[in-house]
Amino acid sequence: MNKLNHVAFIMDGNGRWGQKKRKDRNFGHVNGVKAVKKTVESAVKLKIPILTFYVFSTENWKRPRSEISFLFKLITIYFKNELNSVISNGVKINILGKIEVLPKQIKSVLKQAVILTKKNKRIIVNLALNYGSKDEIIRALKKSKKNITIKNVEKNLYTSNLPNPDILIRTGGHKRLSNFMLWQLAYAELYFLDKLWPDFKSKDFIKIINNYKKIKRNFGAI
């Protein structure tokens, strides 16, 4: 039976879900946050130690400014309202990506969340914000300088102190990685779901985990 340490998510379909409900795309983002919360709760019950969510990519800056502003405001409000609950539930928050260029308010809230949860040990939740895997790899190569080895590159990735994901789950019907954790997902099992992210349920999560546990993982061996 395969041990499960780390699950990564590409949460695709929030905007389409909102429009499908005859609302706007922002309505989908609100319900997407609810799905994240439920997924974290499920992971705690299933004793999965690490989750990573692709929240905002370096390519997402191409979206309408109003949608970007709403998403950042939504994240800011969530942590202002829920940070005490996050702390009391033992959730450790990590941020992957270049947050230094984010608006001042969300940057401040995120840094506070990281500081106040750094000693928590029940589950690690990584939020990939203003994240692009190609940028991450270039950054790691530059930090490795002339001594470019697999070990040195991995030491300089955002995930340097974490095991690579065992599973990637992408909702929304598209079967691509979209510049997400290209290095770290080299040996991950990939699961692509047609359902949109706000419709992702605990039963979907459990089904994928049960499937994963049955897979023979050889990592190049026989």
Protein backbone atom coordinates (compact mmCIF):
# COMPACT_ATOMS: atom_id res chain seq x y z
CA MET A 1 0.00 0.00 0.00
CA ASN A 2 1.42 3.36 -1.06
CA LYS A 3 2.12 5.91 1.65
CA LEU A 4 0.48 9.27 0.98
CA ASN A 5 2.39 12.34 2.14
CA HIS A 6 1.42 15.15 -0.19
CA VAL A 7 -1.51 15.95 -2.48
CA ALA A 8 -1.49 18.89 -4.91
CA PHE A 9 -4.56 20.52 -6.48
CA ILE A 10 -5.19 22.57 -9.59
CA MET A 11 -8.57 24.02 -8.66
CA ASP A 12 -9.98 24.68 -12.11
CA GLY A 13 -13.54 25.70 -12.86
CA ASN A 14 -14.57 28.27 -10.25
CA GLY A 15 -15.55 30.93 -12.78
CA ARG A 16 -17.38 28.48 -15.02
CA TRP A 17 -19.20 27.08 -11.98
CA GLY A 18 -20.45 30.56 -11.07
CA GLN A 19 -21.69 31.18 -14.60
CA LYS A 20 -23.30 27.75 -14.69
CA LYS A 21 -25.29 28.76 -11.62
CA ARG A 22 -26.42 31.90 -13.51
CA LYS A 23 -24.25 34.06 -11.29
CA ASP A 24 -20.94 35.76 -12.02
CA ARG A 25 -17.43 34.26 -11.93
CA ASN A 26 -16.80 35.76 -8.50
CA PHE A 27 -19.65 33.70 -7.06
CA GLY A 28 -17.68 30.68 -8.21
CA HIS A 29 -14.55 31.89 -6.43
CA VAL A 30 -16.50 32.29 -3.17
CA ASN A 31 -17.67 28.70 -3.39
CA GLY A 32 -14.20 27.60 -4.44
CA VAL A 33 -12.86 28.83 -1.09
CA LYS A 34 -15.53 26.75 0.65
CA ALA A 35 -14.36 23.69 -1.30
CA VAL A 36 -10.76 24.33 -0.17
CA LYS A 37 -11.87 24.47 3.45
CA LYS A 38 -13.81 21.20 3.15
CA THR A 39 -10.87 19.52 1.39
CA VAL A 40 -8.50 20.53 4.20
CA GLU A 41 -10.97 19.17 6.75
CA SER A 42 -11.15 15.88 4.82
CA ALA A 43 -7.35 15.67 4.62
CA VAL A 44 -7.08 16.10 8.40
CA LYS A 45 -9.53 13.22 8.92
CA LEU A 46 -7.63 11.10 6.38
CA LYS A 47 -4.32 12.00 8.07
CA ILE A 48 -2.75 13.43 4.93
CA PRO A 49 0.07 15.68 6.18
CA ILE A 50 0.54 18.08 3.24
CA LEU A 51 -1.75 19.77 0.70
CA THR A 52 -0.81 22.27 -2.00
CA PHE A 53 -3.39 24.44 -3.78
CA TYR A 54 -2.72 26.34 -7.01
CA VAL A 55 -4.46 29.58 -6.07
CA PHE A 56 -3.10 32.19 -8.50
CA SER A 57 -0.60 31.64 -11.28
CA THR A 58 1.83 34.09 -12.88
CA GLU A 59 -0.37 33.80 -15.98
CA ASN A 60 -3.55 34.75 -14.09
CA TRP A 61 -2.55 38.43 -14.25
CA LYS A 62 -4.04 38.32 -17.77
CA ARG A 63 -7.54 38.05 -16.26
CA PRO A 64 -9.81 41.09 -15.83
CA ARG A 65 -8.52 43.43 -13.12
CA SER A 66 -11.89 43.34 -11.34
CA GLU A 67 -11.72 39.54 -11.00
CA ILE A 68 -8.12 39.66 -9.72
CA SER A 69 -9.04 42.32 -7.16
CA PHE A 70 -12.01 40.28 -5.97
CA LEU A 71 -9.92 37.14 -5.58
CA PHE A 72 -7.26 38.94 -3.55
CA LYS A 73 -9.95 40.57 -1.41
CA LEU A 74 -11.60 37.18 -0.88
CA ILE A 75 -8.33 35.64 0.34
CA THR A 76 -7.65 38.65 2.59
CA ILE A 77 -11.12 38.52 4.17
CA TYR A 78 -10.87 34.76 4.67
CA PHE A 79 -7.66 34.97 6.67
CA LYS A 80 -8.86 37.96 8.67
CA ASN A 81 -12.01 36.08 9.65
CA GLU A 82 -10.70 32.53 9.91
CA LEU A 83 -7.08 32.84 11.08
CA ASN A 84 -7.92 31.96 14.70
CA SER A 85 -9.72 28.85 13.49
CA VAL A 86 -6.80 27.94 11.23
CA ILE A 87 -4.42 28.26 14.19
CA SER A 88 -6.59 26.30 16.61
CA ASN A 89 -7.03 23.48 14.08
CA GLY A 90 -3.27 22.98 13.79
CA VAL A 91 -2.95 24.13 10.18
CA LYS A 92 0.45 25.43 9.09
CA ILE A 93 0.28 27.86 6.17
CA ASN A 94 3.08 28.13 3.63
CA ILE A 95 3.15 30.41 0.59
CA LEU A 96 4.79 29.30 -2.67
CA GLY A 97 5.47 32.04 -5.20
CA LYS A 98 6.56 35.65 -5.57
CA ILE A 99 4.29 37.36 -3.06
CA GLU A 100 6.49 40.45 -2.82
CA VAL A 101 4.69 41.93 -5.85
CA LEU A 102 1.19 41.31 -4.48
CA PRO A 103 -0.90 44.22 -3.11
CA LYS A 104 0.17 45.40 0.34
CA GLN A 105 -2.94 44.25 2.22
CA ILE A 106 -3.01 40.64 1.02
CA LYS A 107 0.77 40.39 1.39
CA SER A 108 0.53 41.53 5.02
CA VAL A 109 -2.29 39.09 5.83
CA LEU A 110 -0.46 36.17 4.24
CA LYS A 111 2.80 36.91 6.05
CA GLN A 112 0.90 37.10 9.34
CA ALA A 113 -0.75 33.73 8.63
CA VAL A 114 2.63 32.13 7.93
CA ILE A 115 4.18 33.56 11.12
CA LEU A 116 1.29 32.69 13.42
CA THR A 117 0.91 29.11 12.14
CA LYS A 118 4.58 28.17 11.77
CA LYS A 119 4.54 25.90 14.86
CA ASN A 120 1.39 24.02 13.86
CA LYS A 121 1.89 20.34 13.02
CA ARG A 122 -1.45 18.73 12.20
CA ILE A 123 -1.34 19.58 8.48
CA ILE A 124 0.69 21.80 6.16
CA VAL A 125 -1.30 23.78 3.60
CA ASN A 126 0.74 25.35 0.81
CA LEU A 127 -0.90 28.15 -1.17
CA ALA A 128 0.72 28.72 -4.56
CA LEU A 129 0.18 32.45 -5.16
CA ASN A 130 1.71 34.38 -8.03
CA TYR A 131 3.36 31.06 -8.72
CA GLY A 132 4.88 29.80 -11.97
CA SER A 133 6.93 26.63 -12.07
CA LYS A 134 9.24 27.80 -14.87
CA ASP A 135 10.11 30.91 -12.85
CA GLU A 136 10.66 28.74 -9.78
CA ILE A 137 13.07 26.44 -11.63
CA ILE A 138 15.03 29.36 -13.11
CA ARG A 139 15.23 30.91 -9.63
CA ALA A 140 16.53 27.62 -8.21
CA LEU A 141 19.12 27.29 -10.99
CA LYS A 142 20.41 30.80 -10.34
CA LYS A 143 20.70 30.11 -6.62
CA SER A 144 22.56 26.88 -7.37
CA LYS A 145 25.10 28.99 -9.31
CA LYS A 146 27.70 26.82 -11.05
CA ASN A 147 27.05 23.73 -8.94
CA ILE A 148 23.90 22.59 -10.71
CA THR A 149 22.85 19.19 -9.44
CA ILE A 150 19.44 17.67 -8.76
CA LYS A 151 20.08 17.98 -5.03
CA ASN A 152 21.07 21.65 -5.24
CA VAL A 153 18.16 22.60 -7.49
CA GLU A 154 15.68 20.88 -5.16
CA LYS A 155 17.28 22.67 -2.20
CA ASN A 156 16.42 26.00 -3.83
CA LEU A 157 12.82 25.28 -4.84
CA TYR A 158 9.94 26.75 -2.83
CA THR A 159 9.26 23.19 -1.63
CA SER A 160 12.82 22.55 -0.44
CA ASN A 161 11.78 21.18 2.96
CA LEU A 162 8.82 19.15 1.72
CA PRO A 163 8.35 15.79 -0.01
CA ASN A 164 7.16 16.01 -3.61
CA PRO A 165 3.43 15.45 -4.25
CA ASP A 166 2.36 11.83 -4.57
CA ILE A 167 -0.88 12.86 -6.27
CA LEU A 168 -2.01 15.76 -8.45
CA ILE A 169 -5.75 16.33 -8.71
CA ARG A 170 -7.02 18.73 -11.37
CA THR A 171 -10.71 19.54 -11.69
CA GLY A 172 -12.44 21.34 -14.54
CA GLY A 173 -11.99 18.91 -17.42
CA HIS A 174 -8.59 20.03 -18.73
CA LYS A 175 -5.68 17.59 -18.81
CA ARG A 176 -2.60 19.76 -18.43
CA LEU A 177 -0.25 21.01 -15.72
CA SER A 178 -0.50 24.73 -16.55
CA ASN A 179 3.01 25.61 -15.32
CA PHE A 180 2.37 24.06 -11.89
CA MET A 181 5.09 22.18 -9.97
CA LEU A 182 6.69 20.83 -13.16
CA TRP A 183 9.77 19.60 -11.27
CA GLN A 184 7.95 18.27 -8.21
CA LEU A 185 5.29 16.34 -10.15
CA ALA A 186 7.80 14.23 -12.10
CA TYR A 187 6.64 10.98 -10.44
CA ALA A 188 3.19 12.00 -9.19
CA GLU A 189 0.04 10.11 -10.07
CA LEU A 190 -2.18 12.45 -12.09
CA TYR A 191 -5.96 12.55 -11.71
CA PHE A 192 -8.10 14.73 -13.99
CA LEU A 193 -11.75 15.25 -13.12
CA ASP A 194 -14.45 16.72 -15.34
CA LYS A 195 -16.32 18.24 -12.41
CA LEU A 196 -15.67 21.88 -11.54
CA TRP A 197 -13.75 22.71 -8.37
CA PRO A 198 -16.69 23.88 -6.18
CA ASP A 199 -18.30 20.49 -6.86
CA PHE A 200 -15.28 18.54 -5.58
CA LYS A 201 -16.42 16.51 -2.57
CA SER A 202 -14.89 14.35 0.13
CA LYS A 203 -16.16 11.23 -1.65
CA ASP A 204 -14.19 12.23 -4.78
CA PHE A 205 -11.08 12.68 -2.65
CA ILE A 206 -11.50 9.31 -0.95
CA LYS A 207 -12.08 7.54 -4.29
CA ILE A 208 -8.82 8.93 -5.67
CA ILE A 209 -6.89 8.03 -2.53
CA ASN A 210 -8.21 4.45 -2.59
CA ASN A 211 -7.18 4.15 -6.24
CA TYR A 212 -3.72 5.54 -5.47
CA LYS A 213 -3.13 3.03 -2.70
CA LYS A 214 -3.61 0.16 -5.16
CA ILE A 215 -1.15 1.43 -7.78
CA LYS A 216 2.26 -0.20 -8.09
CA ARG A 217 4.80 2.64 -8.15
CA ASN A 218 8.13 1.54 -9.60
CA PHE A 219 10.01 4.84 -10.07
CA GLY A 220 11.87 3.36 -13.03
CA ALA A 221 12.41 -0.09 -11.49
CA ILE A 222 10.49 -3.27 -12.26
